[in-house]
Amino acid sequence: MKTILRLWVPMLIAIIGAYLFVDRPLCQYIYDHAWPQYLCSVCMLGHWPFVHDNVPGNGISIIKLLVEWPPIMTGLAPLLILGALFLPPCRPKQLLIFMGITILVTFVLKNDLKWIFSRDWPLTWTHNNPSWISNHAYGFLWFRGGLFQGTDETGSFPSGHTAVAFAALMPIGFVYRKAMPYLIPVAVSVGLGMIAFDYHFLSDVLAGALVGVTCTLAVESILGTALVDSEEVFADPLFKKGS
């Protein structure tokens, strides 16, 4: 709990500061300098064979897949938990349970927060939604859409991609400690991609990271005894590789 509180204070200050002073000029700068178009042209230099997006004839790049993998993990989360049922007590079993629960909790919480805050997007995506770039719409509209459902038109805050990225990767770092320094940059890169493509404001990404990290720490505190003290876990030969 103390760790979560120490995390929340600086992150809330950063989120408020970004909302007040950084989000709009940064979003406008990225749009004016055509960062999304440039990055898309670079991304499309490498294609994933036989995979296409929803525009006929357009291949989907490897880089784009790397940025958009969090929704895939959300769909796989229940399967991770079910898959753990077929494993004997071991670190991979603990990891599947830890990761699956953390992703599901994060997914539900970020959807609840999107409904609560109901924030305008940086760009117009669907149903002619108001946005900063299109008509300088900026702010929180609060509780738009169905109860705990929200609407696609006002779902910018927090960034779900960033939240799920942290929720999916941090459990790996908790179970295999030496991997953590390599996993955090991957999660951060997802958030940076959301900003660089004008998918989200900076404060959206910071809030998404806070949601993902908080859910991970909360689930870890609940499952902590099983993750740390289980003799079966320590007996797994993979422990020596990851500890």
Protein backbone atom coordinates (compact mmCIF):
# COMPACT_ATOMS: atom_id res chain seq x y z
CA MET A 1 0.00 0.00 0.00
CA LYS A 2 2.83 2.41 0.83
CA THR A 3 4.40 1.69 -2.54
CA ILE A 4 1.13 2.54 -4.30
CA LEU A 5 0.80 5.80 -2.35
CA ARG A 6 4.38 6.79 -3.16
CA LEU A 7 3.61 6.12 -6.80
CA TRP A 8 0.30 7.98 -6.92
CA VAL A 9 1.45 11.34 -5.55
CA PRO A 10 4.09 12.14 -8.21
CA MET A 11 2.03 10.55 -10.97
CA LEU A 12 -1.06 12.60 -10.12
CA ILE A 13 1.05 15.76 -10.14
CA ALA A 14 2.47 14.77 -13.53
CA ILE A 15 -0.99 13.98 -14.93
CA ILE A 16 -2.46 17.29 -13.75
CA GLY A 17 0.55 19.19 -15.05
CA ALA A 18 0.34 17.48 -18.44
CA TYR A 19 -3.40 18.17 -18.66
CA LEU A 20 -3.01 21.86 -17.89
CA PHE A 21 0.19 22.72 -19.75
CA VAL A 22 1.43 19.99 -22.12
CA ASP A 23 -1.39 18.02 -23.75
CA ARG A 24 -2.74 20.64 -26.15
CA PRO A 25 0.53 22.12 -27.44
CA LEU A 26 2.11 18.67 -27.77
CA CYS A 27 -0.90 17.26 -29.62
CA GLN A 28 -0.99 20.26 -31.94
CA TYR A 29 2.76 20.06 -32.59
CA ILE A 30 2.55 16.37 -33.51
CA TYR A 31 -0.36 17.04 -35.86
CA ASP A 32 1.16 20.13 -37.47
CA HIS A 33 4.43 18.31 -38.15
CA ALA A 34 2.59 15.26 -39.54
CA TRP A 35 4.21 12.77 -37.16
CA PRO A 36 1.43 10.15 -37.63
CA GLN A 37 1.73 10.26 -41.42
CA TYR A 38 5.51 10.06 -41.28
CA LEU A 39 5.50 7.21 -38.78
CA CYS A 40 2.89 5.33 -40.79
CA SER A 41 5.03 5.62 -43.91
CA VAL A 42 8.02 4.29 -41.99
CA CYS A 43 6.00 1.52 -40.37
CA MET A 44 4.64 0.33 -43.70
CA LEU A 45 8.18 -0.34 -44.95
CA GLY A 46 7.96 -3.70 -43.22
CA HIS A 47 4.82 -5.82 -43.57
CA TRP A 48 3.58 -8.86 -41.75
CA PRO A 49 2.74 -11.40 -44.46
CA PHE A 50 -0.90 -12.36 -44.93
CA VAL A 51 -2.10 -9.89 -42.27
CA HIS A 52 -4.24 -6.95 -43.33
CA ASP A 53 -5.98 -4.14 -41.54
CA ASN A 54 -9.57 -3.09 -42.18
CA VAL A 55 -8.65 -1.18 -45.35
CA PRO A 56 -8.63 -3.57 -48.32
CA GLY A 57 -5.22 -3.99 -49.85
CA ASN A 58 -3.28 -2.34 -47.04
CA GLY A 59 -0.83 -4.57 -45.24
CA ILE A 60 -0.22 -4.12 -41.56
CA SER A 61 3.34 -3.44 -40.45
CA ILE A 62 5.33 -5.27 -37.82
CA ILE A 63 5.80 -2.01 -35.91
CA LYS A 64 2.05 -1.41 -35.91
CA LEU A 65 1.48 -4.90 -34.52
CA LEU A 66 3.98 -4.21 -31.76
CA VAL A 67 2.06 -1.08 -30.80
CA GLU A 68 -1.36 -2.74 -30.97
CA TRP A 69 -0.64 -5.98 -29.11
CA PRO A 70 -2.27 -4.95 -25.79
CA PRO A 71 -5.85 -5.56 -27.04
CA ILE A 72 -4.75 -9.04 -28.09
CA MET A 73 -3.50 -9.72 -24.57
CA THR A 74 -6.86 -8.59 -23.20
CA GLY A 75 -8.59 -11.23 -25.28
CA LEU A 76 -6.10 -13.88 -24.21
CA ALA A 77 -6.29 -13.10 -20.49
CA PRO A 78 -9.11 -15.57 -19.64
CA LEU A 79 -7.30 -18.25 -21.63
CA LEU A 80 -4.14 -17.66 -19.63
CA ILE A 81 -6.00 -18.35 -16.40
CA LEU A 82 -7.70 -21.43 -17.82
CA GLY A 83 -4.39 -22.66 -19.22
CA ALA A 84 -2.84 -22.44 -15.76
CA LEU A 85 -5.30 -25.07 -14.56
CA PHE A 86 -3.51 -27.68 -16.65
CA LEU A 87 -0.05 -26.93 -15.26
CA PRO A 88 1.52 -28.41 -12.13
CA PRO A 89 2.61 -25.98 -9.39
CA CYS A 90 5.46 -24.01 -10.95
CA ARG A 91 6.51 -20.49 -11.82
CA PRO A 92 4.86 -20.51 -15.28
CA LYS A 93 1.57 -21.46 -13.62
CA GLN A 94 1.92 -18.59 -11.15
CA LEU A 95 2.78 -16.24 -14.00
CA LEU A 96 -0.27 -17.18 -16.08
CA ILE A 97 -2.59 -16.65 -13.12
CA PHE A 98 -0.89 -13.40 -12.10
CA MET A 99 -0.88 -12.01 -15.64
CA GLY A 100 -4.41 -13.10 -16.49
CA ILE A 101 -5.97 -11.62 -13.35
CA THR A 102 -3.98 -8.39 -13.64
CA ILE A 103 -4.97 -7.83 -17.27
CA LEU A 104 -8.65 -8.49 -16.58
CA VAL A 105 -8.73 -6.18 -13.54
CA THR A 106 -6.93 -3.48 -15.51
CA PHE A 107 -9.28 -3.85 -18.48
CA VAL A 108 -12.39 -3.45 -16.35
CA LEU A 109 -10.97 -0.54 -14.34
CA LYS A 110 -9.79 1.44 -17.36
CA ASN A 111 -13.22 1.03 -18.96
CA ASP A 112 -14.87 2.30 -15.78
CA LEU A 113 -12.53 5.29 -15.74
CA LYS A 114 -13.18 6.06 -19.41
CA TRP A 115 -16.88 6.26 -18.57
CA ILE A 116 -16.30 8.39 -15.46
CA PHE A 117 -14.01 10.93 -17.12
CA SER A 118 -15.49 10.81 -20.66
CA ARG A 119 -12.68 12.83 -22.18
CA ASP A 120 -12.49 14.20 -25.73
CA TRP A 121 -9.93 12.60 -28.05
CA PRO A 122 -6.95 14.32 -29.68
CA LEU A 123 -8.33 13.48 -33.15
CA THR A 124 -11.73 12.69 -34.62
CA TRP A 125 -12.01 8.92 -34.93
CA THR A 126 -15.65 7.87 -35.08
CA HIS A 127 -19.16 9.31 -35.36
CA ASN A 128 -17.67 12.77 -35.95
CA ASN A 129 -16.59 12.88 -32.32
CA PRO A 130 -15.43 16.28 -31.07
CA SER A 131 -11.66 16.48 -30.71
CA TRP A 132 -8.88 18.94 -30.06
CA ILE A 133 -7.59 18.91 -33.64
CA SER A 134 -11.00 19.15 -35.32
CA ASN A 135 -12.72 21.78 -33.18
CA HIS A 136 -10.55 22.41 -30.09
CA ALA A 137 -12.80 20.32 -27.87
CA TYR A 138 -10.84 19.62 -24.73
CA GLY A 139 -11.77 18.43 -21.29
CA PHE A 140 -13.75 15.92 -19.27
CA LEU A 141 -17.46 15.56 -20.00
CA TRP A 142 -18.14 13.13 -17.12
CA PHE A 143 -20.32 10.01 -17.18
CA ARG A 144 -21.24 9.98 -20.87
CA GLY A 145 -22.91 6.87 -22.26
CA GLY A 146 -24.33 3.84 -20.49
CA LEU A 147 -23.56 2.99 -16.89
CA PHE A 148 -19.95 1.72 -16.72
CA GLN A 149 -19.96 1.50 -20.52
CA GLY A 150 -19.17 4.97 -21.82
CA THR A 151 -19.04 5.82 -25.51
CA ASP A 152 -16.41 5.61 -28.22
CA GLU A 153 -16.76 9.35 -28.76
CA THR A 154 -15.38 10.25 -25.33
CA GLY A 155 -12.95 7.54 -24.28
CA SER A 156 -9.53 9.13 -24.35
CA PHE A 157 -8.71 9.02 -20.63
CA PRO A 158 -6.95 6.87 -19.56
CA SER A 159 -5.04 5.10 -22.34
CA GLY A 160 -6.20 1.50 -22.33
CA HIS A 161 -3.30 0.34 -24.52
CA THR A 162 -0.77 1.73 -22.04
CA ALA A 163 -2.62 0.34 -19.02
CA VAL A 164 -2.80 -3.18 -20.45
CA ALA A 165 0.82 -3.02 -21.64
CA PHE A 166 2.02 -2.47 -18.07
CA ALA A 167 -0.48 -4.99 -16.69
CA ALA A 168 0.72 -7.66 -19.13
CA LEU A 169 4.47 -7.10 -18.81
CA MET A 170 5.03 -6.23 -15.15
CA PRO A 171 3.84 -9.64 -13.86
CA ILE A 172 6.59 -11.23 -15.93
CA GLY A 173 9.08 -8.95 -14.21
CA PHE A 174 7.73 -9.86 -10.78
CA VAL A 175 8.02 -13.58 -11.43
CA TYR A 176 11.31 -13.37 -13.34
CA ARG A 177 13.03 -10.43 -11.71
CA LYS A 178 15.93 -10.10 -14.10
CA ALA A 179 13.52 -9.47 -16.97
CA MET A 180 11.97 -6.33 -15.42
CA PRO A 181 14.55 -3.82 -16.77
CA TYR A 182 13.81 -5.05 -20.31
CA LEU A 183 10.03 -5.14 -19.93
CA ILE A 184 9.40 -1.64 -18.62
CA PRO A 185 10.87 0.04 -21.74
CA VAL A 186 8.57 -2.08 -23.90
CA ALA A 187 5.52 -0.91 -21.95
CA VAL A 188 6.74 2.69 -22.08
CA SER A 189 7.21 2.41 -25.84
CA VAL A 190 3.52 1.54 -26.21
CA GLY A 191 2.59 4.76 -24.42
CA LEU A 192 5.01 6.78 -26.52
CA GLY A 193 3.46 5.27 -29.63
CA MET A 194 0.00 6.37 -28.50
CA ILE A 195 1.31 9.94 -28.19
CA ALA A 196 3.36 9.94 -31.39
CA PHE A 197 0.38 8.80 -33.47
CA ASP A 198 -1.92 11.33 -31.73
CA TYR A 199 -4.04 8.47 -30.44
CA HIS A 200 -3.83 9.86 -26.90
CA PHE A 201 -2.74 12.92 -24.94
CA LEU A 202 0.29 12.69 -22.68
CA SER A 203 -1.89 12.75 -19.56
CA ASP A 204 -3.95 9.85 -20.96
CA VAL A 205 -0.79 7.77 -21.26
CA LEU A 206 0.46 8.72 -17.80
CA ALA A 207 -2.92 7.79 -16.33
CA GLY A 208 -2.93 4.51 -18.25
CA ALA A 209 0.49 3.64 -16.90
CA LEU A 210 -0.68 4.48 -13.39
CA VAL A 211 -3.72 2.23 -13.77
CA GLY A 212 -1.66 -0.67 -15.11
CA VAL A 213 1.04 -0.40 -12.46
CA THR A 214 -1.49 0.04 -9.64
CA CYS A 215 -3.49 -3.02 -10.69
CA THR A 216 -0.29 -5.05 -10.97
CA LEU A 217 0.87 -4.04 -7.50
CA ALA A 218 -2.59 -4.69 -6.04
CA VAL A 219 -2.85 -8.17 -7.53
CA GLU A 220 0.74 -8.93 -6.53
CA SER A 221 -0.03 -7.97 -2.95
CA ILE A 222 -2.97 -10.39 -2.95
CA LEU A 223 -1.06 -13.22 -4.61
CA GLY A 224 2.25 -12.30 -2.97
CA THR A 225 2.44 -15.29 -0.66
CA ALA A 226 1.80 -17.71 -3.49
CA LEU A 227 4.34 -15.96 -5.72
CA VAL A 228 7.12 -15.68 -3.16
CA ASP A 229 6.71 -18.36 -0.53
CA SER A 230 5.48 -21.39 -2.42
CA GLU A 231 7.97 -24.26 -2.16
CA GLU A 232 6.73 -25.61 -5.45
CA VAL A 233 7.54 -22.32 -7.16
CA PHE A 234 11.07 -22.24 -5.81
CA ALA A 235 11.53 -25.87 -6.79
CA ASP A 236 10.89 -25.03 -10.43
CA PRO A 237 14.21 -25.11 -12.35
CA LEU A 238 13.13 -21.95 -14.18
CA PHE A 239 13.50 -20.09 -10.87
CA LYS A 240 17.25 -20.20 -11.09
CA LYS A 241 17.10 -18.65 -14.54
CA GLY A 242 14.77 -15.86 -13.55
CA SER A 243 15.86 -14.99 -10.02
